[in-house]
Amino acid sequence: MSSAQANVDSGLRRSAAGVFGALIADTFQEARARWLFWGLFGLSTLLILIFLFVLKIDLVAGAISIMGIEGTTRALDVRAFVLRSYSFIAIFLYIWGTLLAIFASSGLIPSVLEPGRIALLLSKPLNRPVLILGRYLGNVLIVALNHLYLVGAIWIIIGLKTHMWEPRFLLAIPACLFMFGVLLCVVTFIGVVSESAALSVMITAALMVISAILAQRKLMMRALSSEWTRDLWQALYWIFPKFYDLATVMMQTVLFNRDLDWATPLWTSAAFGLVVLSGALYIFSKRDF
């Protein structure tokens, strides 16, 4: 191989890495231009301000005062109350943060597929999977920044008000981000297939509800009368992402610091996301624009 050809190949490799970085940067730029970035952080700021000015929890001589009204909870019960507050707020942020992120990200995939824009992008020496993956990672990074800001700020507020700093509360950050990453695979798939942001949100929100229903499998195993319906329920439970199960594990960990099964909801949800994202990449690579 000549030195000239080697220089060309090296330039192409650098160019590929540069294109991937440029796609991530473009996602940030578009999120700002469409006010999605500012809307996401603005709503998070609003929630932080609500916690700061409305949620008044103070420790008064070993008791708990809420909204200025002194309670009767004392001594050892104070820590239990604070941990319970941490766990419920973690669940609220898990649901709020995931839904908010899905709404904010739903339009960023279909916007790439607009006729004029996709034709311009594909006219360049750009690998199609890199285009989708760059967009996907850009979405994840935007939401990661928002989750760090939102959960971190509320953790500081609760810590300052109660003087009890519980680091397990910060599990809400990776839990929210992981589940968002899984659900964003669905958003990407629906966006590639239908180019509809509204449909992406509808189906993703439905999956979150379906997850809560399928998680009640112990109850349903007793309620369902036939073997095939029980097998079907079990199969659907293992196929779909474990949004509800991950929330339950996170809440129990924050509240009781128990050694719980994180692996099952994580690996099954990750497998679902990888399959769906792979389907999106395959369909996009075969589409004729």
C-alpha atoms as a PDB file:
ATOM      1  CA  MET A   1       0.000   0.000   0.000  1.00  0.00           C
ATOM      2  CA  SER A   2       1.408   3.391  -0.995  1.00  0.00           C
ATOM      3  CA  SER A   3       1.914   6.160   1.526  1.00  0.00           C
ATOM      4  CA  ALA A   4      -0.671   8.246  -0.341  1.00  0.00           C
ATOM      5  CA  GLN A   5      -3.291   5.500  -0.008  1.00  0.00           C
ATOM      6  CA  ALA A   6      -2.403   5.082   3.670  1.00  0.00           C
ATOM      7  CA  ASN A   7      -2.945   8.793   4.200  1.00  0.00           C
ATOM      8  CA  VAL A   8      -6.338   8.574   2.472  1.00  0.00           C
ATOM      9  CA  ASP A   9      -7.414   5.623   4.636  1.00  0.00           C
ATOM     10  CA  SER A  10      -6.252   7.437   7.772  1.00  0.00           C
ATOM     11  CA  GLY A  11      -8.187  10.513   6.690  1.00  0.00           C
ATOM     12  CA  LEU A  12     -11.329   8.454   6.128  1.00  0.00           C
ATOM     13  CA  ARG A  13     -11.055   6.939   9.613  1.00  0.00           C
ATOM     14  CA  ARG A  14     -10.658  10.372  11.146  1.00  0.00           C
ATOM     15  CA  SER A  15     -13.521  11.590   8.992  1.00  0.00           C
ATOM     16  CA  ALA A  16     -15.826   8.785  10.232  1.00  0.00           C
ATOM     17  CA  ALA A  17     -15.112   9.693  13.850  1.00  0.00           C
ATOM     18  CA  GLY A  18     -15.625  13.340  13.029  1.00  0.00           C
ATOM     19  CA  VAL A  19     -18.953  12.625  11.325  1.00  0.00           C
ATOM     20  CA  PHE A  20     -20.180  10.727  14.374  1.00  0.00           C
ATOM     21  CA  GLY A  21     -19.214  13.606  16.652  1.00  0.00           C
ATOM     22  CA  ALA A  22     -20.801  16.099  14.257  1.00  0.00           C
ATOM     23  CA  LEU A  23     -24.087  14.150  14.352  1.00  0.00           C
ATOM     24  CA  ILE A  24     -24.122  14.324  18.152  1.00  0.00           C
ATOM     25  CA  ALA A  25     -23.367  18.040  18.042  1.00  0.00           C
ATOM     26  CA  ASP A  26     -26.104  18.511  15.433  1.00  0.00           C
ATOM     27  CA  THR A  27     -28.596  16.806  17.753  1.00  0.00           C
ATOM     28  CA  PHE A  28     -27.724  19.275  20.521  1.00  0.00           C
ATOM     29  CA  GLN A  29     -27.983  22.195  18.109  1.00  0.00           C
ATOM     30  CA  GLU A  30     -31.374  21.100  16.796  1.00  0.00           C
ATOM     31  CA  ALA A  31     -32.694  20.484  20.323  1.00  0.00           C
ATOM     32  CA  ARG A  32     -31.754  24.063  21.188  1.00  0.00           C
ATOM     33  CA  ALA A  33     -33.168  25.467  17.941  1.00  0.00           C
ATOM     34  CA  ARG A  34     -36.494  23.685  18.469  1.00  0.00           C
ATOM     35  CA  TRP A  35     -36.589  24.831  22.115  1.00  0.00           C
ATOM     36  CA  LEU A  36     -36.667  21.179  23.204  1.00  0.00           C
ATOM     37  CA  PHE A  37     -33.417  21.575  25.107  1.00  0.00           C
ATOM     38  CA  TRP A  38     -34.581  24.701  26.902  1.00  0.00           C
ATOM     39  CA  GLY A  39     -38.052  23.280  27.489  1.00  0.00           C
ATOM     40  CA  LEU A  40     -36.610  20.124  29.061  1.00  0.00           C
ATOM     41  CA  PHE A  41     -34.303  22.022  31.392  1.00  0.00           C
ATOM     42  CA  GLY A  42     -36.946  24.699  32.020  1.00  0.00           C
ATOM     43  CA  LEU A  43     -39.485  22.157  33.275  1.00  0.00           C
ATOM     44  CA  SER A  44     -36.805  20.512  35.389  1.00  0.00           C
ATOM     45  CA  THR A  45     -35.941  23.912  36.868  1.00  0.00           C
ATOM     46  CA  LEU A  46     -39.618  24.501  37.633  1.00  0.00           C
ATOM     47  CA  LEU A  47     -39.794  21.200  39.496  1.00  0.00           C
ATOM     48  CA  ILE A  48     -36.633  22.056  41.425  1.00  0.00           C
ATOM     49  CA  LEU A  49     -38.118  25.411  42.440  1.00  0.00           C
ATOM     50  CA  ILE A  50     -41.297  23.668  43.618  1.00  0.00           C
ATOM     51  CA  PHE A  51     -39.211  21.416  45.874  1.00  0.00           C
ATOM     52  CA  LEU A  52     -37.191  24.382  47.053  1.00  0.00           C
ATOM     53  CA  PHE A  53     -40.054  26.712  48.020  1.00  0.00           C
ATOM     54  CA  VAL A  54     -43.040  24.428  48.635  1.00  0.00           C
ATOM     55  CA  LEU A  55     -41.576  21.303  50.198  1.00  0.00           C
ATOM     56  CA  LYS A  56     -40.677  22.587  53.657  1.00  0.00           C
ATOM     57  CA  ILE A  57     -39.288  19.741  55.728  1.00  0.00           C
ATOM     58  CA  ASP A  58     -37.178  20.599  58.747  1.00  0.00           C
ATOM     59  CA  LEU A  59     -35.942  18.770  61.801  1.00  0.00           C
ATOM     60  CA  VAL A  60     -37.089  20.490  64.981  1.00  0.00           C
ATOM     61  CA  ALA A  61     -35.549  19.202  68.201  1.00  0.00           C
ATOM     62  CA  GLY A  62     -35.469  15.660  66.859  1.00  0.00           C
ATOM     63  CA  ALA A  63     -38.971  15.851  65.389  1.00  0.00           C
ATOM     64  CA  ILE A  64     -40.161  16.502  61.865  1.00  0.00           C
ATOM     65  CA  SER A  65     -41.827  19.750  60.870  1.00  0.00           C
ATOM     66  CA  ILE A  66     -43.646  19.746  57.536  1.00  0.00           C
ATOM     67  CA  MET A  67     -44.866  23.063  56.138  1.00  0.00           C
ATOM     68  CA  GLY A  68     -44.129  24.598  59.563  1.00  0.00           C
ATOM     69  CA  ILE A  69     -46.407  22.182  61.472  1.00  0.00           C
ATOM     70  CA  GLU A  70     -44.455  20.152  63.990  1.00  0.00           C
ATOM     71  CA  GLY A  71     -45.186  16.459  63.960  1.00  0.00           C
ATOM     72  CA  THR A  72     -44.815  13.799  66.594  1.00  0.00           C
ATOM     73  CA  THR A  73     -42.284  11.646  64.775  1.00  0.00           C
ATOM     74  CA  ARG A  74     -39.063  11.521  66.809  1.00  0.00           C
ATOM     75  CA  ALA A  75     -35.659   9.903  67.215  1.00  0.00           C
ATOM     76  CA  LEU A  76     -35.284   6.729  65.115  1.00  0.00           C
ATOM     77  CA  ASP A  77     -38.494   7.424  63.161  1.00  0.00           C
ATOM     78  CA  VAL A  78     -36.948  10.573  61.680  1.00  0.00           C
ATOM     79  CA  ARG A  79     -34.491   8.624  59.532  1.00  0.00           C
ATOM     80  CA  ALA A  80     -37.217   6.199  58.429  1.00  0.00           C
ATOM     81  CA  PHE A  81     -39.389   9.138  57.387  1.00  0.00           C
ATOM     82  CA  VAL A  82     -36.569  10.761  55.417  1.00  0.00           C
ATOM     83  CA  LEU A  83     -35.708   7.481  53.663  1.00  0.00           C
ATOM     84  CA  ARG A  84     -39.378   6.994  52.780  1.00  0.00           C
ATOM     85  CA  SER A  85     -39.450  10.507  51.361  1.00  0.00           C
ATOM     86  CA  TYR A  86     -36.310   9.808  49.349  1.00  0.00           C
ATOM     87  CA  SER A  87     -37.788   6.595  47.919  1.00  0.00           C
ATOM     88  CA  PHE A  88     -41.099   8.136  46.859  1.00  0.00           C
ATOM     89  CA  ILE A  89     -39.385  11.157  45.321  1.00  0.00           C
ATOM     90  CA  ALA A  90     -36.986   8.832  43.475  1.00  0.00           C
ATOM     91  CA  ILE A  91     -39.961   7.003  41.939  1.00  0.00           C
ATOM     92  CA  PHE A  92     -41.625  10.287  41.016  1.00  0.00           C
ATOM     93  CA  LEU A  93     -38.450  11.511  39.302  1.00  0.00           C
ATOM     94  CA  TYR A  94     -38.025   8.135  37.566  1.00  0.00           C
ATOM     95  CA  ILE A  95     -41.499   8.402  35.993  1.00  0.00           C
ATOM     96  CA  TRP A  96     -41.423  12.171  35.443  1.00  0.00           C
ATOM     97  CA  GLY A  97     -37.902  12.167  34.017  1.00  0.00           C
ATOM     98  CA  THR A  98     -38.537   9.273  31.640  1.00  0.00           C
ATOM     99  CA  LEU A  99     -41.820  10.656  30.295  1.00  0.00           C
ATOM    100  CA  LEU A 100     -40.388  14.155  29.925  1.00  0.00           C
ATOM    101  CA  ALA A 101     -37.343  12.827  28.084  1.00  0.00           C
ATOM    102  CA  ILE A 102     -39.479  10.729  25.716  1.00  0.00           C
ATOM    103  CA  PHE A 103     -41.669  13.716  24.851  1.00  0.00           C
ATOM    104  CA  ALA A 104     -38.605  15.908  24.287  1.00  0.00           C
ATOM    105  CA  SER A 105     -36.814  13.345  22.115  1.00  0.00           C
ATOM    106  CA  SER A 106     -39.688  12.002  20.041  1.00  0.00           C
ATOM    107  CA  GLY A 107     -39.346  14.570  17.252  1.00  0.00           C
ATOM    108  CA  LEU A 108     -35.570  14.433  16.861  1.00  0.00           C
ATOM    109  CA  ILE A 109     -35.541  11.155  14.884  1.00  0.00           C
ATOM    110  CA  PRO A 110     -38.394  11.920  12.421  1.00  0.00           C
ATOM    111  CA  SER A 111     -36.919  15.364  11.754  1.00  0.00           C
ATOM    112  CA  VAL A 112     -33.850  13.730  10.181  1.00  0.00           C
ATOM    113  CA  LEU A 113     -36.091  11.843   7.748  1.00  0.00           C
ATOM    114  CA  GLU A 114     -37.701  14.942   6.272  1.00  0.00           C
ATOM    115  CA  PRO A 115     -37.429  14.682   2.445  1.00  0.00           C
ATOM    116  CA  GLY A 116     -34.999  17.516   1.774  1.00  0.00           C
ATOM    117  CA  ARG A 117     -32.862  16.886   4.821  1.00  0.00           C
ATOM    118  CA  ILE A 118     -32.430  13.124   4.458  1.00  0.00           C
ATOM    119  CA  ALA A 119     -31.562  13.507   0.779  1.00  0.00           C
ATOM    120  CA  LEU A 120     -28.835  16.009   1.684  1.00  0.00           C
ATOM    121  CA  LEU A 121     -27.420  13.797   4.441  1.00  0.00           C
ATOM    122  CA  LEU A 122     -27.378  10.648   2.310  1.00  0.00           C
ATOM    123  CA  SER A 123     -25.674  12.502  -0.546  1.00  0.00           C
ATOM    124  CA  LYS A 124     -22.590  12.687   1.660  1.00  0.00           C
ATOM    125  CA  PRO A 125     -20.207   9.765   2.364  1.00  0.00           C
ATOM    126  CA  LEU A 126     -22.174   8.893   5.474  1.00  0.00           C
ATOM    127  CA  ASN A 127     -22.865   5.412   6.763  1.00  0.00           C
ATOM    128  CA  ARG A 128     -26.596   5.021   7.472  1.00  0.00           C
ATOM    129  CA  PRO A 129     -26.276   3.207  10.837  1.00  0.00           C
ATOM    130  CA  VAL A 130     -23.838   5.905  11.977  1.00  0.00           C
ATOM    131  CA  LEU A 131     -26.474   8.527  11.164  1.00  0.00           C
ATOM    132  CA  ILE A 132     -29.084   6.877  13.399  1.00  0.00           C
ATOM    133  CA  LEU A 133     -26.642   5.933  16.161  1.00  0.00           C
ATOM    134  CA  GLY A 134     -25.210   9.454  16.261  1.00  0.00           C
ATOM    135  CA  ARG A 135     -28.710  10.830  16.616  1.00  0.00           C
ATOM    136  CA  TYR A 136     -29.523   8.239  19.287  1.00  0.00           C
ATOM    137  CA  LEU A 137     -26.417   8.972  21.363  1.00  0.00           C
ATOM    138  CA  GLY A 138     -26.996  12.721  21.071  1.00  0.00           C
ATOM    139  CA  ASN A 139     -30.474  12.240  22.553  1.00  0.00           C
ATOM    140  CA  VAL A 140     -29.075  10.138  25.398  1.00  0.00           C
ATOM    141  CA  LEU A 141     -26.421  12.741  26.244  1.00  0.00           C
ATOM    142  CA  ILE A 142     -28.981  15.569  26.348  1.00  0.00           C
ATOM    143  CA  VAL A 143     -31.192  13.595  28.719  1.00  0.00           C
ATOM    144  CA  ALA A 144     -28.192  12.536  30.825  1.00  0.00           C
ATOM    145  CA  LEU A 145     -27.318  16.190  31.431  1.00  0.00           C
ATOM    146  CA  ASN A 146     -30.914  16.917  32.410  1.00  0.00           C
ATOM    147  CA  HIS A 147     -31.109  13.971  34.820  1.00  0.00           C
ATOM    148  CA  LEU A 148     -27.837  14.953  36.496  1.00  0.00           C
ATOM    149  CA  TYR A 149     -29.166  18.473  36.917  1.00  0.00           C
ATOM    150  CA  LEU A 150     -32.655  17.502  38.115  1.00  0.00           C
ATOM    151  CA  VAL A 151     -31.905  14.614  40.473  1.00  0.00           C
ATOM    152  CA  GLY A 152     -28.687  16.158  41.777  1.00  0.00           C
ATOM    153  CA  ALA A 153     -30.394  19.464  42.618  1.00  0.00           C
ATOM    154  CA  ILE A 154     -33.304  17.786  44.419  1.00  0.00           C
ATOM    155  CA  TRP A 155     -30.887  15.568  46.364  1.00  0.00           C
ATOM    156  CA  ILE A 156     -29.047  18.693  47.551  1.00  0.00           C
ATOM    157  CA  ILE A 157     -32.328  20.412  48.487  1.00  0.00           C
ATOM    158  CA  ILE A 158     -33.590  17.442  50.529  1.00  0.00           C
ATOM    159  CA  GLY A 159     -30.183  17.023  52.139  1.00  0.00           C
ATOM    160  CA  LEU A 160     -30.040  20.676  53.175  1.00  0.00           C
ATOM    161  CA  LYS A 161     -33.583  20.585  54.568  1.00  0.00           C
ATOM    162  CA  THR A 162     -33.256  17.320  56.498  1.00  0.00           C
ATOM    163  CA  HIS A 163     -29.471  17.248  57.152  1.00  0.00           C
ATOM    164  CA  MET A 164     -29.572  13.613  56.024  1.00  0.00           C
ATOM    165  CA  TRP A 165     -27.653  12.824  52.856  1.00  0.00           C
ATOM    166  CA  GLU A 166     -28.648   9.489  51.346  1.00  0.00           C
ATOM    167  CA  PRO A 167     -26.434   8.617  48.340  1.00  0.00           C
ATOM    168  CA  ARG A 168     -28.730   5.726  47.367  1.00  0.00           C
ATOM    169  CA  PHE A 169     -31.208   8.371  46.166  1.00  0.00           C
ATOM    170  CA  LEU A 170     -28.789   9.108  43.322  1.00  0.00           C
ATOM    171  CA  LEU A 171     -29.574   5.661  41.890  1.00  0.00           C
ATOM    172  CA  ALA A 172     -32.469   7.489  40.226  1.00  0.00           C
ATOM    173  CA  ILE A 173     -29.967   8.959  37.740  1.00  0.00           C
ATOM    174  CA  PRO A 174     -28.623   5.716  36.178  1.00  0.00           C
ATOM    175  CA  ALA A 175     -32.020   4.003  36.524  1.00  0.00           C
ATOM    176  CA  CYS A 176     -33.813   6.809  34.657  1.00  0.00           C
ATOM    177  CA  LEU A 177     -31.097   7.058  32.039  1.00  0.00           C
ATOM    178  CA  PHE A 178     -30.963   3.312  31.422  1.00  0.00           C
ATOM    179  CA  MET A 179     -34.721   2.973  30.982  1.00  0.00           C
ATOM    180  CA  PHE A 180     -34.812   6.058  28.782  1.00  0.00           C
ATOM    181  CA  GLY A 181     -32.121   4.482  26.602  1.00  0.00           C
ATOM    182  CA  VAL A 182     -34.233   1.342  26.239  1.00  0.00           C
ATOM    183  CA  LEU A 183     -37.424   3.263  25.441  1.00  0.00           C
ATOM    184  CA  LEU A 184     -35.533   5.543  23.041  1.00  0.00           C
ATOM    185  CA  CYS A 185     -34.827   2.414  20.997  1.00  0.00           C
ATOM    186  CA  VAL A 186     -38.613   2.115  20.568  1.00  0.00           C
ATOM    187  CA  VAL A 187     -38.888   5.815  19.702  1.00  0.00           C
ATOM    188  CA  THR A 188     -36.147   5.357  17.096  1.00  0.00           C
ATOM    189  CA  PHE A 189     -37.793   2.276  15.597  1.00  0.00           C
ATOM    190  CA  ILE A 190     -41.230   3.903  15.327  1.00  0.00           C
ATOM    191  CA  GLY A 191     -39.637   7.083  14.000  1.00  0.00           C
ATOM    192  CA  VAL A 192     -37.813   5.179  11.245  1.00  0.00           C
ATOM    193  CA  VAL A 193     -40.894   3.140  10.301  1.00  0.00           C
ATOM    194  CA  SER A 194     -43.622   5.793  10.516  1.00  0.00           C
ATOM    195  CA  GLU A 195     -41.760   9.133  10.734  1.00  0.00           C
ATOM    196  CA  SER A 196     -44.373  10.105  13.337  1.00  0.00           C
ATOM    197  CA  ALA A 197     -43.307  11.726  16.618  1.00  0.00           C
ATOM    198  CA  ALA A 198     -46.840  11.425  18.038  1.00  0.00           C
ATOM    199  CA  LEU A 199     -47.002   7.685  17.347  1.00  0.00           C
ATOM    200  CA  SER A 200     -43.577   7.230  18.947  1.00  0.00           C
ATOM    201  CA  VAL A 201     -44.800   8.843  22.166  1.00  0.00           C
ATOM    202  CA  MET A 202     -48.065   6.893  22.170  1.00  0.00           C
ATOM    203  CA  ILE A 203     -46.429   3.494  21.759  1.00  0.00           C
ATOM    204  CA  THR A 204     -43.638   4.218  24.247  1.00  0.00           C
ATOM    205  CA  ALA A 205     -46.097   5.442  26.898  1.00  0.00           C
ATOM    206  CA  ALA A 206     -48.215   2.350  26.257  1.00  0.00           C
ATOM    207  CA  LEU A 207     -45.168   0.139  26.862  1.00  0.00           C
ATOM    208  CA  MET A 208     -44.656   1.787  30.249  1.00  0.00           C
ATOM    209  CA  VAL A 209     -48.267   1.012  31.211  1.00  0.00           C
ATOM    210  CA  ILE A 210     -48.052  -2.536  29.802  1.00  0.00           C
ATOM    211  CA  SER A 211     -44.915  -3.110  31.877  1.00  0.00           C
ATOM    212  CA  ALA A 212     -46.816  -2.281  35.076  1.00  0.00           C
ATOM    213  CA  ILE A 213     -49.629  -4.646  34.102  1.00  0.00           C
ATOM    214  CA  LEU A 214     -47.379  -7.551  33.075  1.00  0.00           C
ATOM    215  CA  ALA A 215     -45.367  -7.210  36.298  1.00  0.00           C
ATOM    216  CA  GLN A 216     -48.394  -8.461  38.253  1.00  0.00           C
ATOM    217  CA  ARG A 217     -47.652 -11.972  37.039  1.00  0.00           C
ATOM    218  CA  LYS A 218     -47.923 -13.707  40.431  1.00  0.00           C
ATOM    219  CA  LEU A 219     -51.462 -12.430  40.791  1.00  0.00           C
ATOM    220  CA  MET A 220     -52.304 -13.316  37.193  1.00  0.00           C
ATOM    221  CA  MET A 221     -50.890 -16.835  37.512  1.00  0.00           C
ATOM    222  CA  ARG A 222     -53.594 -17.441  40.115  1.00  0.00           C
ATOM    223  CA  ALA A 223     -56.303 -15.526  38.253  1.00  0.00           C
ATOM    224  CA  LEU A 224     -55.854 -17.011  34.754  1.00  0.00           C
ATOM    225  CA  SER A 225     -57.712 -20.264  34.298  1.00  0.00           C
ATOM    226  CA  SER A 226     -55.887 -21.919  31.395  1.00  0.00           C
ATOM    227  CA  GLU A 227     -52.284 -23.001  30.984  1.00  0.00           C
ATOM    228  CA  TRP A 228     -51.786 -21.333  27.604  1.00  0.00           C
ATOM    229  CA  THR A 229     -52.908 -17.925  28.884  1.00  0.00           C
ATOM    230  CA  ARG A 230     -50.477 -18.205  31.810  1.00  0.00           C
ATOM    231  CA  ASP A 231     -47.678 -19.167  29.414  1.00  0.00           C
ATOM    232  CA  LEU A 232     -48.565 -16.240  27.154  1.00  0.00           C
ATOM    233  CA  TRP A 233     -48.509 -13.830  30.087  1.00  0.00           C
ATOM    234  CA  GLN A 234     -45.109 -15.150  31.193  1.00  0.00           C
ATOM    235  CA  ALA A 235     -43.739 -14.865  27.647  1.00  0.00           C
ATOM    236  CA  LEU A 236     -44.933 -11.273  27.278  1.00  0.00           C
ATOM    237  CA  TYR A 237     -43.506 -10.413  30.683  1.00  0.00           C
ATOM    238  CA  TRP A 238     -40.035 -11.621  29.692  1.00  0.00           C
ATOM    239  CA  ILE A 239     -40.160  -9.986  26.246  1.00  0.00           C
ATOM    240  CA  PHE A 240     -41.149  -6.432  27.181  1.00  0.00           C
ATOM    241  CA  PRO A 241     -38.875  -3.987  29.050  1.00  0.00           C
ATOM    242  CA  LYS A 242     -39.148  -4.032  32.857  1.00  0.00           C
ATOM    243  CA  PHE A 243     -40.028  -0.384  33.525  1.00  0.00           C
ATOM    244  CA  TYR A 244     -42.121  -1.262  36.594  1.00  0.00           C
ATOM    245  CA  ASP A 245     -39.682  -3.856  37.973  1.00  0.00           C
ATOM    246  CA  LEU A 246     -36.710  -1.518  37.778  1.00  0.00           C
ATOM    247  CA  ALA A 247     -38.707   1.167  39.602  1.00  0.00           C
ATOM    248  CA  THR A 248     -39.612  -1.319  42.341  1.00  0.00           C
ATOM    249  CA  VAL A 249     -36.010  -2.465  42.812  1.00  0.00           C
ATOM    250  CA  MET A 250     -34.791   1.130  42.951  1.00  0.00           C
ATOM    251  CA  MET A 251     -37.429   2.131  45.514  1.00  0.00           C
ATOM    252  CA  GLN A 252     -36.704  -0.869  47.755  1.00  0.00           C
ATOM    253  CA  THR A 253     -32.967  -0.236  47.562  1.00  0.00           C
ATOM    254  CA  VAL A 254     -33.338   3.419  48.544  1.00  0.00           C
ATOM    255  CA  LEU A 255     -35.801   2.632  51.339  1.00  0.00           C
ATOM    256  CA  PHE A 256     -34.299  -0.511  52.879  1.00  0.00           C
ATOM    257  CA  ASN A 257     -30.803  -0.836  51.343  1.00  0.00           C
ATOM    258  CA  ARG A 258     -31.590  -4.433  50.476  1.00  0.00           C
ATOM    259  CA  ASP A 259     -29.503  -6.650  48.202  1.00  0.00           C
ATOM    260  CA  LEU A 260     -32.071  -7.032  45.428  1.00  0.00           C
ATOM    261  CA  ASP A 261     -32.122  -8.485  41.918  1.00  0.00           C
ATOM    262  CA  TRP A 262     -31.047  -5.653  39.644  1.00  0.00           C
ATOM    263  CA  ALA A 263     -29.685  -7.997  36.974  1.00  0.00           C
ATOM    264  CA  THR A 264     -32.987  -9.410  35.675  1.00  0.00           C
ATOM    265  CA  PRO A 265     -34.768  -6.136  34.831  1.00  0.00           C
ATOM    266  CA  LEU A 266     -31.521  -4.721  33.443  1.00  0.00           C
ATOM    267  CA  TRP A 267     -30.448  -7.492  31.101  1.00  0.00           C
ATOM    268  CA  THR A 268     -33.941  -8.336  29.822  1.00  0.00           C
ATOM    269  CA  SER A 269     -34.712  -4.670  29.130  1.00  0.00           C
ATOM    270  CA  ALA A 270     -31.315  -4.157  27.495  1.00  0.00           C
ATOM    271  CA  ALA A 271     -31.882  -7.194  25.259  1.00  0.00           C
ATOM    272  CA  PHE A 272     -35.271  -5.804  24.202  1.00  0.00           C
ATOM    273  CA  GLY A 273     -33.709  -2.432  23.405  1.00  0.00           C
ATOM    274  CA  LEU A 274     -30.866  -3.954  21.375  1.00  0.00           C
ATOM    275  CA  VAL A 275     -33.265  -6.041  19.282  1.00  0.00           C
ATOM    276  CA  VAL A 276     -35.550  -3.071  18.593  1.00  0.00           C
ATOM    277  CA  LEU A 277     -32.655  -0.725  17.792  1.00  0.00           C
ATOM    278  CA  SER A 278     -31.104  -3.338  15.497  1.00  0.00           C
ATOM    279  CA  GLY A 279     -34.451  -3.567  13.684  1.00  0.00           C
ATOM    280  CA  ALA A 280     -34.501   0.215  13.273  1.00  0.00           C
ATOM    281  CA  LEU A 281     -30.966   0.219  11.841  1.00  0.00           C
ATOM    282  CA  TYR A 282     -31.792  -2.603   9.419  1.00  0.00           C
ATOM    283  CA  ILE A 283     -34.989  -0.968   8.155  1.00  0.00           C
ATOM    284  CA  PHE A 284     -33.281   2.392   7.765  1.00  0.00           C
ATOM    285  CA  SER A 285     -30.389   0.838   5.824  1.00  0.00           C
ATOM    286  CA  LYS A 286     -32.853  -0.770   3.373  1.00  0.00           C
ATOM    287  CA  ARG A 287     -35.205   2.183   2.881  1.00  0.00           C
ATOM    288  CA  ASP A 288     -35.195   4.024  -0.405  1.00  0.00           C
ATOM    289  CA  PHE A 289     -35.195   7.787   0.145  1.00  0.00           C
END
